[in-house]
Amino acid sequence: MSCGKAEERENMKVQIKKLKKNAVIPTRGSSSAAGYDLYACIESSVVIKPHATEQIGTGIAVAVPEGYFGAIFARSGLAHKKGLVPSNAV
């Protein structure tokens, strides 16, 4: 007996396009990871002043399949230790 939803998730394809040469395609930390690690695409040094907002690009474009939701969450130890959060504050 096949569970259609689980099978569908396993076969889902997310299209990712590099917009910058030095961009890094997202990776999974392990096979049991809930999401992917996203990388900043920084072309020159960036200083983020306290209580300031800076836009840091990824250098990629992602096509999220219809019926799915894509979100960015701050999950790294560096983000926690330095108080860095995405502008959507999740």
N, C-alpha and C. Protein backbone atom coordinates (compact mmCIF):
# COMPACT_ATOMS: atom_id res chain seq x y z
N MET A 1 0.85 -1.18 0.00
CA MET A 1 0.00 0.00 0.00
C MET A 1 0.89 1.24 0.00
N SER A 2 0.60 2.18 -0.84
CA SER A 2 1.41 3.39 -0.98
C SER A 2 0.70 4.59 -0.38
N CYS A 3 1.44 5.40 0.33
CA CYS A 3 0.90 6.64 0.88
C CYS A 3 1.25 7.75 -0.10
N GLY A 4 0.30 8.21 -0.87
CA GLY A 4 0.53 9.17 -1.94
C GLY A 4 1.28 10.42 -1.52
N LYS A 5 0.91 11.02 -0.39
CA LYS A 5 1.56 12.27 0.05
C LYS A 5 3.04 12.08 0.35
N ALA A 6 3.40 11.02 1.07
CA ALA A 6 4.80 10.78 1.39
C ALA A 6 5.59 10.50 0.11
N GLU A 7 5.01 9.70 -0.76
CA GLU A 7 5.67 9.39 -2.03
C GLU A 7 5.84 10.66 -2.85
N GLU A 8 4.82 11.51 -2.86
CA GLU A 8 4.87 12.77 -3.61
C GLU A 8 5.99 13.66 -3.07
N ARG A 9 6.14 13.75 -1.75
CA ARG A 9 7.19 14.57 -1.15
C ARG A 9 8.58 14.08 -1.52
N GLU A 10 8.75 12.75 -1.55
CA GLU A 10 10.05 12.18 -1.89
C GLU A 10 10.45 12.51 -3.32
N ASN A 11 9.48 12.68 -4.20
CA ASN A 11 9.75 12.93 -5.61
C ASN A 11 9.67 14.42 -5.97
N MET A 12 9.41 15.27 -5.01
CA MET A 12 9.28 16.70 -5.28
C MET A 12 10.62 17.28 -5.76
N LYS A 13 10.56 18.11 -6.77
CA LYS A 13 11.75 18.76 -7.30
C LYS A 13 11.62 20.27 -7.09
N VAL A 14 12.63 20.86 -6.48
CA VAL A 14 12.69 22.31 -6.28
C VAL A 14 13.73 22.84 -7.26
N GLN A 15 13.34 23.79 -8.09
CA GLN A 15 14.26 24.36 -9.06
C GLN A 15 15.04 25.49 -8.41
N ILE A 16 16.37 25.44 -8.55
CA ILE A 16 17.26 26.47 -7.99
C ILE A 16 18.18 26.95 -9.11
N LYS A 17 18.26 28.26 -9.25
CA LYS A 17 19.11 28.85 -10.28
C LYS A 17 20.13 29.78 -9.64
N LYS A 18 21.40 29.60 -9.98
CA LYS A 18 22.44 30.51 -9.49
C LYS A 18 22.38 31.81 -10.29
N LEU A 19 22.26 32.93 -9.60
CA LEU A 19 22.23 34.24 -10.23
C LEU A 19 23.60 34.90 -10.20
N LYS A 20 24.45 34.44 -9.30
CA LYS A 20 25.81 34.97 -9.15
C LYS A 20 26.78 33.79 -9.21
N LYS A 21 27.95 34.03 -9.78
CA LYS A 21 28.94 32.96 -9.96
C LYS A 21 29.37 32.33 -8.63
N ASN A 22 29.52 33.16 -7.58
CA ASN A 22 30.00 32.63 -6.30
C ASN A 22 28.88 32.18 -5.36
N ALA A 23 27.65 32.11 -5.85
CA ALA A 23 26.53 31.63 -5.04
C ALA A 23 26.70 30.15 -4.71
N VAL A 24 26.17 29.75 -3.56
CA VAL A 24 26.24 28.36 -3.12
C VAL A 24 24.83 27.78 -3.10
N ILE A 25 24.66 26.64 -3.73
CA ILE A 25 23.36 25.95 -3.73
C ILE A 25 23.09 25.43 -2.32
N PRO A 26 21.85 25.59 -1.79
CA PRO A 26 21.54 25.11 -0.44
C PRO A 26 21.83 23.61 -0.28
N THR A 27 22.22 23.23 0.92
CA THR A 27 22.56 21.84 1.22
C THR A 27 21.80 21.37 2.45
N ARG A 28 21.67 20.06 2.61
CA ARG A 28 21.07 19.47 3.81
C ARG A 28 22.19 19.01 4.72
N GLY A 29 22.07 19.32 6.00
CA GLY A 29 23.08 18.91 6.97
C GLY A 29 23.10 17.41 7.19
N SER A 30 21.95 16.76 7.05
CA SER A 30 21.85 15.31 7.20
C SER A 30 20.58 14.85 6.51
N SER A 31 20.45 13.54 6.33
CA SER A 31 19.25 13.00 5.66
C SER A 31 17.99 13.20 6.51
N SER A 32 18.14 13.44 7.81
CA SER A 32 16.98 13.65 8.66
C SER A 32 16.70 15.14 8.91
N ALA A 33 17.45 16.02 8.27
CA ALA A 33 17.24 17.46 8.44
C ALA A 33 15.87 17.87 7.90
N ALA A 34 15.21 18.78 8.60
CA ALA A 34 13.89 19.25 8.19
C ALA A 34 13.97 20.24 7.03
N GLY A 35 15.11 20.88 6.87
CA GLY A 35 15.25 21.88 5.82
C GLY A 35 16.65 21.89 5.25
N TYR A 36 16.96 22.94 4.54
CA TYR A 36 18.26 23.09 3.89
C TYR A 36 19.01 24.28 4.47
N ASP A 37 20.33 24.23 4.42
CA ASP A 37 21.16 25.35 4.85
C ASP A 37 21.30 26.32 3.69
N LEU A 38 21.05 27.59 3.96
CA LEU A 38 21.11 28.64 2.96
C LEU A 38 22.35 29.47 3.22
N TYR A 39 23.03 29.91 2.17
CA TYR A 39 24.30 30.62 2.30
C TYR A 39 24.21 32.04 1.75
N ALA A 40 24.86 32.96 2.42
CA ALA A 40 24.94 34.34 1.95
C ALA A 40 25.90 34.39 0.76
N CYS A 41 25.61 35.26 -0.17
CA CYS A 41 26.49 35.48 -1.33
C CYS A 41 27.05 36.89 -1.17
N ILE A 42 28.19 36.98 -0.53
CA ILE A 42 28.77 38.29 -0.18
C ILE A 42 29.94 38.58 -1.11
N GLU A 43 29.86 39.70 -1.81
CA GLU A 43 30.91 40.06 -2.76
C GLU A 43 31.92 41.04 -2.18
N SER A 44 31.55 41.71 -1.08
CA SER A 44 32.47 42.61 -0.39
C SER A 44 32.11 42.61 1.09
N SER A 45 33.01 43.09 1.91
CA SER A 45 32.83 43.09 3.36
C SER A 45 31.57 43.85 3.76
N VAL A 46 30.83 43.29 4.72
CA VAL A 46 29.59 43.91 5.20
C VAL A 46 29.70 44.08 6.71
N VAL A 47 29.41 45.28 7.19
CA VAL A 47 29.36 45.55 8.63
C VAL A 47 27.91 45.87 8.98
N ILE A 48 27.36 45.12 9.91
CA ILE A 48 25.98 45.36 10.35
C ILE A 48 26.06 46.05 11.70
N LYS A 49 25.65 47.30 11.73
CA LYS A 49 25.70 48.08 12.97
C LYS A 49 24.56 47.66 13.89
N PRO A 50 24.73 47.83 15.20
CA PRO A 50 23.67 47.46 16.15
C PRO A 50 22.35 48.14 15.79
N HIS A 51 21.28 47.38 15.85
CA HIS A 51 19.91 47.84 15.60
C HIS A 51 19.69 48.28 14.15
N ALA A 52 20.60 47.93 13.25
CA ALA A 52 20.47 48.29 11.84
C ALA A 52 20.02 47.07 11.04
N THR A 53 19.55 47.33 9.84
CA THR A 53 19.13 46.28 8.93
C THR A 53 19.98 46.35 7.67
N GLU A 54 20.47 45.21 7.23
CA GLU A 54 21.24 45.14 5.99
C GLU A 54 20.65 44.02 5.13
N GLN A 55 20.59 44.25 3.85
CA GLN A 55 20.11 43.23 2.94
C GLN A 55 21.30 42.40 2.46
N ILE A 56 21.24 41.10 2.73
CA ILE A 56 22.31 40.18 2.34
C ILE A 56 21.68 39.15 1.39
N GLY A 57 22.11 39.16 0.15
CA GLY A 57 21.54 38.26 -0.84
C GLY A 57 22.12 36.86 -0.78
N THR A 58 21.44 35.95 -1.43
CA THR A 58 21.90 34.56 -1.52
C THR A 58 22.52 34.27 -2.88
N GLY A 59 22.21 35.10 -3.87
CA GLY A 59 22.73 34.86 -5.22
C GLY A 59 22.03 33.73 -5.94
N ILE A 60 20.87 33.30 -5.41
CA ILE A 60 20.11 32.22 -6.06
C ILE A 60 18.65 32.64 -6.21
N ALA A 61 17.95 31.96 -7.09
CA ALA A 61 16.50 32.07 -7.23
C ALA A 61 15.93 30.67 -7.01
N VAL A 62 14.82 30.60 -6.28
CA VAL A 62 14.21 29.31 -5.96
C VAL A 62 12.77 29.30 -6.43
N ALA A 63 12.38 28.27 -7.17
CA ALA A 63 11.00 28.10 -7.60
C ALA A 63 10.36 27.07 -6.67
N VAL A 64 9.52 27.54 -5.75
CA VAL A 64 8.84 26.64 -4.81
C VAL A 64 7.66 26.02 -5.55
N PRO A 65 7.55 24.69 -5.54
CA PRO A 65 6.45 24.02 -6.25
C PRO A 65 5.07 24.46 -5.75
N GLU A 66 4.11 24.48 -6.65
CA GLU A 66 2.74 24.84 -6.30
C GLU A 66 2.24 23.96 -5.16
N GLY A 67 1.58 24.56 -4.20
CA GLY A 67 1.05 23.82 -3.06
C GLY A 67 2.02 23.70 -1.89
N TYR A 68 3.24 24.26 -2.04
CA TYR A 68 4.25 24.22 -0.99
C TYR A 68 4.58 25.64 -0.56
N PHE A 69 5.30 25.76 0.54
CA PHE A 69 5.65 27.04 1.13
C PHE A 69 7.14 27.08 1.39
N GLY A 70 7.79 28.16 1.02
CA GLY A 70 9.22 28.33 1.30
C GLY A 70 9.41 29.42 2.33
N ALA A 71 10.26 29.21 3.31
CA ALA A 71 10.50 30.20 4.36
C ALA A 71 11.97 30.17 4.76
N ILE A 72 12.43 31.30 5.30
CA ILE A 72 13.81 31.39 5.79
C ILE A 72 13.77 31.63 7.29
N PHE A 73 14.48 30.78 8.03
CA PHE A 73 14.56 30.89 9.48
C PHE A 73 16.02 30.99 9.90
N ALA A 74 16.30 31.81 10.90
CA ALA A 74 17.65 31.89 11.48
C ALA A 74 17.82 30.71 12.42
N ARG A 75 18.72 29.81 12.10
CA ARG A 75 18.90 28.61 12.93
C ARG A 75 20.34 28.38 13.36
N SER A 76 21.26 29.17 12.88
CA SER A 76 22.66 28.89 13.19
C SER A 76 23.06 29.42 14.56
N GLY A 77 24.11 28.84 15.13
CA GLY A 77 24.64 29.33 16.40
C GLY A 77 25.11 30.76 16.30
N LEU A 78 25.69 31.13 15.16
CA LEU A 78 26.16 32.50 14.95
C LEU A 78 24.99 33.48 15.01
N ALA A 79 23.88 33.13 14.37
CA ALA A 79 22.70 34.01 14.39
C ALA A 79 22.23 34.22 15.83
N HIS A 80 22.22 33.15 16.61
CA HIS A 80 21.78 33.25 18.00
C HIS A 80 22.75 34.09 18.84
N LYS A 81 24.02 33.80 18.71
CA LYS A 81 25.04 34.49 19.52
C LYS A 81 25.18 35.97 19.18
N LYS A 82 24.99 36.32 17.91
CA LYS A 82 25.17 37.70 17.46
C LYS A 82 23.85 38.46 17.31
N GLY A 83 22.73 37.80 17.58
CA GLY A 83 21.43 38.46 17.51
C GLY A 83 20.99 38.80 16.09
N LEU A 84 21.36 37.97 15.13
CA LEU A 84 20.99 38.21 13.73
C LEU A 84 19.70 37.46 13.42
N VAL A 85 18.75 38.16 12.80
CA VAL A 85 17.48 37.54 12.41
C VAL A 85 17.08 38.00 11.02
N PRO A 86 16.36 37.16 10.28
CA PRO A 86 15.84 37.61 8.99
C PRO A 86 14.86 38.77 9.20
N SER A 87 14.68 39.60 8.20
CA SER A 87 13.80 40.77 8.35
C SER A 87 12.36 40.39 8.63
N ASN A 88 11.97 39.15 8.29
CA ASN A 88 10.61 38.71 8.60
C ASN A 88 10.51 38.23 10.05
N ALA A 89 11.61 38.29 10.78
CA ALA A 89 11.69 38.04 12.23
C ALA A 89 11.18 36.67 12.66
N VAL A 90 11.40 35.65 11.84
CA VAL A 90 11.02 34.30 12.28
C VAL A 90 12.23 33.58 12.85
